[in-house]
């Protein structure tokens, strides 16, 4: 069981122009983390061409998103989760800025939220 909400970051490093996603040169943030039973690595590729305000994530502690966006200031274009027995990768195929109707963020009455 990997519980990113209680992980400890053991090390991290930033690599400049270490990946390309959708033709965009990307920097890569590599995080080695774990809990008392497991260790895992995350490789996060991002381009400054897709900025994100890190203040939006200042209270997002799950997966250390507050720390990740404070360091990258950008949308993640590739996420690699590397475990001892498998690797999972998510790669963006399209990024476009668009205006969302405020109703997109509304939830039905009775929606229950859980803290992670």
C-alpha atoms as a PDB file:
ATOM      1  CA  UNK A   1       0.000   0.000   0.000  1.00  0.00           C
ATOM      2  CA  UNK A   2       1.406   3.398  -0.996  1.00  0.00           C
ATOM      3  CA  UNK A   3      -0.095   6.231   0.998  1.00  0.00           C
ATOM      4  CA  UNK A   4       1.214   9.436  -0.563  1.00  0.00           C
ATOM      5  CA  UNK A   5      -0.538  11.481   2.112  1.00  0.00           C
ATOM      6  CA  UNK A   6       1.862  10.179   4.761  1.00  0.00           C
ATOM      7  CA  UNK A   7       4.961   9.877   2.631  1.00  0.00           C
ATOM      8  CA  UNK A   8       8.366  11.257   3.482  1.00  0.00           C
ATOM      9  CA  UNK A   9      10.385  12.892   0.707  1.00  0.00           C
ATOM     10  CA  UNK A  10      13.914  11.458   0.864  1.00  0.00           C
ATOM     11  CA  UNK A  11      15.389  13.430  -2.036  1.00  0.00           C
ATOM     12  CA  UNK A  12      14.487  15.480  -5.070  1.00  0.00           C
ATOM     13  CA  UNK A  13      16.292  17.020  -8.009  1.00  0.00           C
ATOM     14  CA  UNK A  14      15.418  19.180 -10.975  1.00  0.00           C
ATOM     15  CA  UNK A  15      16.733  18.349 -14.445  1.00  0.00           C
ATOM     16  CA  UNK A  16      16.640  21.041 -17.157  1.00  0.00           C
ATOM     17  CA  UNK A  17      15.399  20.099 -20.630  1.00  0.00           C
ATOM     18  CA  UNK A  18      15.380  16.397 -19.745  1.00  0.00           C
ATOM     19  CA  UNK A  19      12.172  15.394 -21.559  1.00  0.00           C
ATOM     20  CA  UNK A  20       9.951  16.393 -24.485  1.00  0.00           C
ATOM     21  CA  UNK A  21       6.161  16.106 -24.363  1.00  0.00           C
ATOM     22  CA  UNK A  22       3.947  17.106 -27.308  1.00  0.00           C
ATOM     23  CA  UNK A  23       7.007  18.778 -28.859  1.00  0.00           C
ATOM     24  CA  UNK A  24       7.614  21.015 -25.818  1.00  0.00           C
ATOM     25  CA  UNK A  25      10.984  20.802 -24.058  1.00  0.00           C
ATOM     26  CA  UNK A  26      10.338  19.954 -20.420  1.00  0.00           C
ATOM     27  CA  UNK A  27      12.212  20.155 -17.167  1.00  0.00           C
ATOM     28  CA  UNK A  28      11.807  17.109 -14.928  1.00  0.00           C
ATOM     29  CA  UNK A  29      11.331  17.080 -11.170  1.00  0.00           C
ATOM     30  CA  UNK A  30      12.398  13.732  -9.713  1.00  0.00           C
ATOM     31  CA  UNK A  31      11.108  12.915  -6.228  1.00  0.00           C
ATOM     32  CA  UNK A  32      12.207   9.861  -4.250  1.00  0.00           C
ATOM     33  CA  UNK A  33       9.796   9.254  -1.386  1.00  0.00           C
ATOM     34  CA  UNK A  34       8.371   6.520   0.757  1.00  0.00           C
ATOM     35  CA  UNK A  35       6.749   5.395   3.957  1.00  0.00           C
ATOM     36  CA  UNK A  36       7.960   2.949   6.589  1.00  0.00           C
ATOM     37  CA  UNK A  37       7.549  -0.013   4.193  1.00  0.00           C
ATOM     38  CA  UNK A  38       8.080   1.159   0.615  1.00  0.00           C
ATOM     39  CA  UNK A  39      10.054   3.579  -1.526  1.00  0.00           C
ATOM     40  CA  UNK A  40       8.871   5.014  -4.846  1.00  0.00           C
ATOM     41  CA  UNK A  41      10.004   7.585  -7.397  1.00  0.00           C
ATOM     42  CA  UNK A  42       7.968  10.168  -9.266  1.00  0.00           C
ATOM     43  CA  UNK A  43       9.288  11.835 -12.420  1.00  0.00           C
ATOM     44  CA  UNK A  44       7.237  14.923 -13.247  1.00  0.00           C
ATOM     45  CA  UNK A  45       7.777  16.608 -16.631  1.00  0.00           C
ATOM     46  CA  UNK A  46       6.633  20.205 -17.097  1.00  0.00           C
ATOM     47  CA  UNK A  47       7.040  23.175 -19.415  1.00  0.00           C
ATOM     48  CA  UNK A  48       7.029  26.803 -18.284  1.00  0.00           C
ATOM     49  CA  UNK A  49       4.825  27.436 -21.363  1.00  0.00           C
ATOM     50  CA  UNK A  50       1.911  26.161 -19.240  1.00  0.00           C
ATOM     51  CA  UNK A  51       2.100  28.162 -15.996  1.00  0.00           C
ATOM     52  CA  UNK A  52      -0.008  27.393 -12.933  1.00  0.00           C
ATOM     53  CA  UNK A  53      -0.349  29.575  -9.869  1.00  0.00           C
ATOM     54  CA  UNK A  54       1.123  27.538  -6.977  1.00  0.00           C
ATOM     55  CA  UNK A  55      -1.165  29.393  -4.552  1.00  0.00           C
ATOM     56  CA  UNK A  56      -4.041  27.313  -5.943  1.00  0.00           C
ATOM     57  CA  UNK A  57      -2.337  24.228  -4.444  1.00  0.00           C
ATOM     58  CA  UNK A  58      -1.020  25.626  -1.157  1.00  0.00           C
ATOM     59  CA  UNK A  59      -3.495  23.503   0.835  1.00  0.00           C
ATOM     60  CA  UNK A  60      -3.201  20.406  -1.390  1.00  0.00           C
ATOM     61  CA  UNK A  61      -1.063  18.188   0.836  1.00  0.00           C
ATOM     62  CA  UNK A  62      -2.003  14.821  -0.719  1.00  0.00           C
ATOM     63  CA  UNK A  63       0.794  13.612  -3.031  1.00  0.00           C
ATOM     64  CA  UNK A  64       2.802  16.652  -1.870  1.00  0.00           C
ATOM     65  CA  UNK A  65       1.051  18.710  -4.559  1.00  0.00           C
ATOM     66  CA  UNK A  66       1.661  21.892  -2.561  1.00  0.00           C
ATOM     67  CA  UNK A  67       5.417  21.281  -2.781  1.00  0.00           C
ATOM     68  CA  UNK A  68       5.332  20.091  -6.398  1.00  0.00           C
ATOM     69  CA  UNK A  69       3.534  23.164  -7.753  1.00  0.00           C
ATOM     70  CA  UNK A  70       5.577  25.501  -5.539  1.00  0.00           C
ATOM     71  CA  UNK A  71       8.623  24.095  -7.351  1.00  0.00           C
ATOM     72  CA  UNK A  72       7.317  23.754 -10.901  1.00  0.00           C
ATOM     73  CA  UNK A  73       4.838  26.660 -11.240  1.00  0.00           C
ATOM     74  CA  UNK A  74       3.594  24.713 -14.265  1.00  0.00           C
ATOM     75  CA  UNK A  75       1.093  22.115 -15.422  1.00  0.00           C
ATOM     76  CA  UNK A  76       2.512  18.602 -15.400  1.00  0.00           C
ATOM     77  CA  UNK A  77       2.675  17.158 -18.913  1.00  0.00           C
ATOM     78  CA  UNK A  78       3.988  13.728 -17.925  1.00  0.00           C
ATOM     79  CA  UNK A  79       3.780  11.880 -14.627  1.00  0.00           C
ATOM     80  CA  UNK A  80       5.775   8.692 -14.097  1.00  0.00           C
ATOM     81  CA  UNK A  81       5.155   6.702 -10.921  1.00  0.00           C
ATOM     82  CA  UNK A  82       7.971   4.206 -10.468  1.00  0.00           C
ATOM     83  CA  UNK A  83       7.476   1.376  -7.985  1.00  0.00           C
ATOM     84  CA  UNK A  84       9.726  -1.655  -7.376  1.00  0.00           C
ATOM     85  CA  UNK A  85       7.426  -3.939  -9.388  1.00  0.00           C
ATOM     86  CA  UNK A  86       5.824  -1.601 -11.946  1.00  0.00           C
ATOM     87  CA  UNK A  87       5.841   1.817 -13.589  1.00  0.00           C
ATOM     88  CA  UNK A  88       2.712   3.829 -14.346  1.00  0.00           C
ATOM     89  CA  UNK A  89       2.891   6.762 -16.771  1.00  0.00           C
ATOM     90  CA  UNK A  90       0.390   9.481 -17.669  1.00  0.00           C
ATOM     91  CA  UNK A  91       1.213  11.722 -20.646  1.00  0.00           C
ATOM     92  CA  UNK A  92      -0.711  14.766 -21.852  1.00  0.00           C
ATOM     93  CA  UNK A  93      -1.844  14.600 -25.470  1.00  0.00           C
ATOM     94  CA  UNK A  94      -3.369  18.079 -25.690  1.00  0.00           C
ATOM     95  CA  UNK A  95      -3.341  21.234 -23.582  1.00  0.00           C
ATOM     96  CA  UNK A  96      -5.602  24.161 -24.271  1.00  0.00           C
ATOM     97  CA  UNK A  97      -6.711  27.117 -22.224  1.00  0.00           C
ATOM     98  CA  UNK A  98     -10.445  27.543 -22.038  1.00  0.00           C
ATOM     99  CA  UNK A  99     -12.978  29.415 -19.972  1.00  0.00           C
ATOM    100  CA  UNK A 100     -15.088  27.154 -17.779  1.00  0.00           C
ATOM    101  CA  UNK A 101     -18.615  27.937 -16.721  1.00  0.00           C
ATOM    102  CA  UNK A 102     -18.690  28.367 -12.906  1.00  0.00           C
ATOM    103  CA  UNK A 103     -21.270  25.550 -12.741  1.00  0.00           C
ATOM    104  CA  UNK A 104     -18.436  23.163 -13.663  1.00  0.00           C
ATOM    105  CA  UNK A 105     -17.250  23.505 -10.054  1.00  0.00           C
ATOM    106  CA  UNK A 106     -20.668  23.035  -8.432  1.00  0.00           C
ATOM    107  CA  UNK A 107     -21.579  19.785  -6.710  1.00  0.00           C
ATOM    108  CA  UNK A 108     -24.999  18.249  -6.197  1.00  0.00           C
ATOM    109  CA  UNK A 109     -26.693  18.792  -2.883  1.00  0.00           C
ATOM    110  CA  UNK A 110     -25.724  16.013  -0.487  1.00  0.00           C
ATOM    111  CA  UNK A 111     -22.271  15.447  -2.001  1.00  0.00           C
ATOM    112  CA  UNK A 112     -19.952  14.112   0.695  1.00  0.00           C
ATOM    113  CA  UNK A 113     -16.273  15.061   0.675  1.00  0.00           C
ATOM    114  CA  UNK A 114     -13.585  13.117   2.488  1.00  0.00           C
ATOM    115  CA  UNK A 115     -10.215  14.425   3.578  1.00  0.00           C
ATOM    116  CA  UNK A 116      -7.404  12.412   2.028  1.00  0.00           C
END
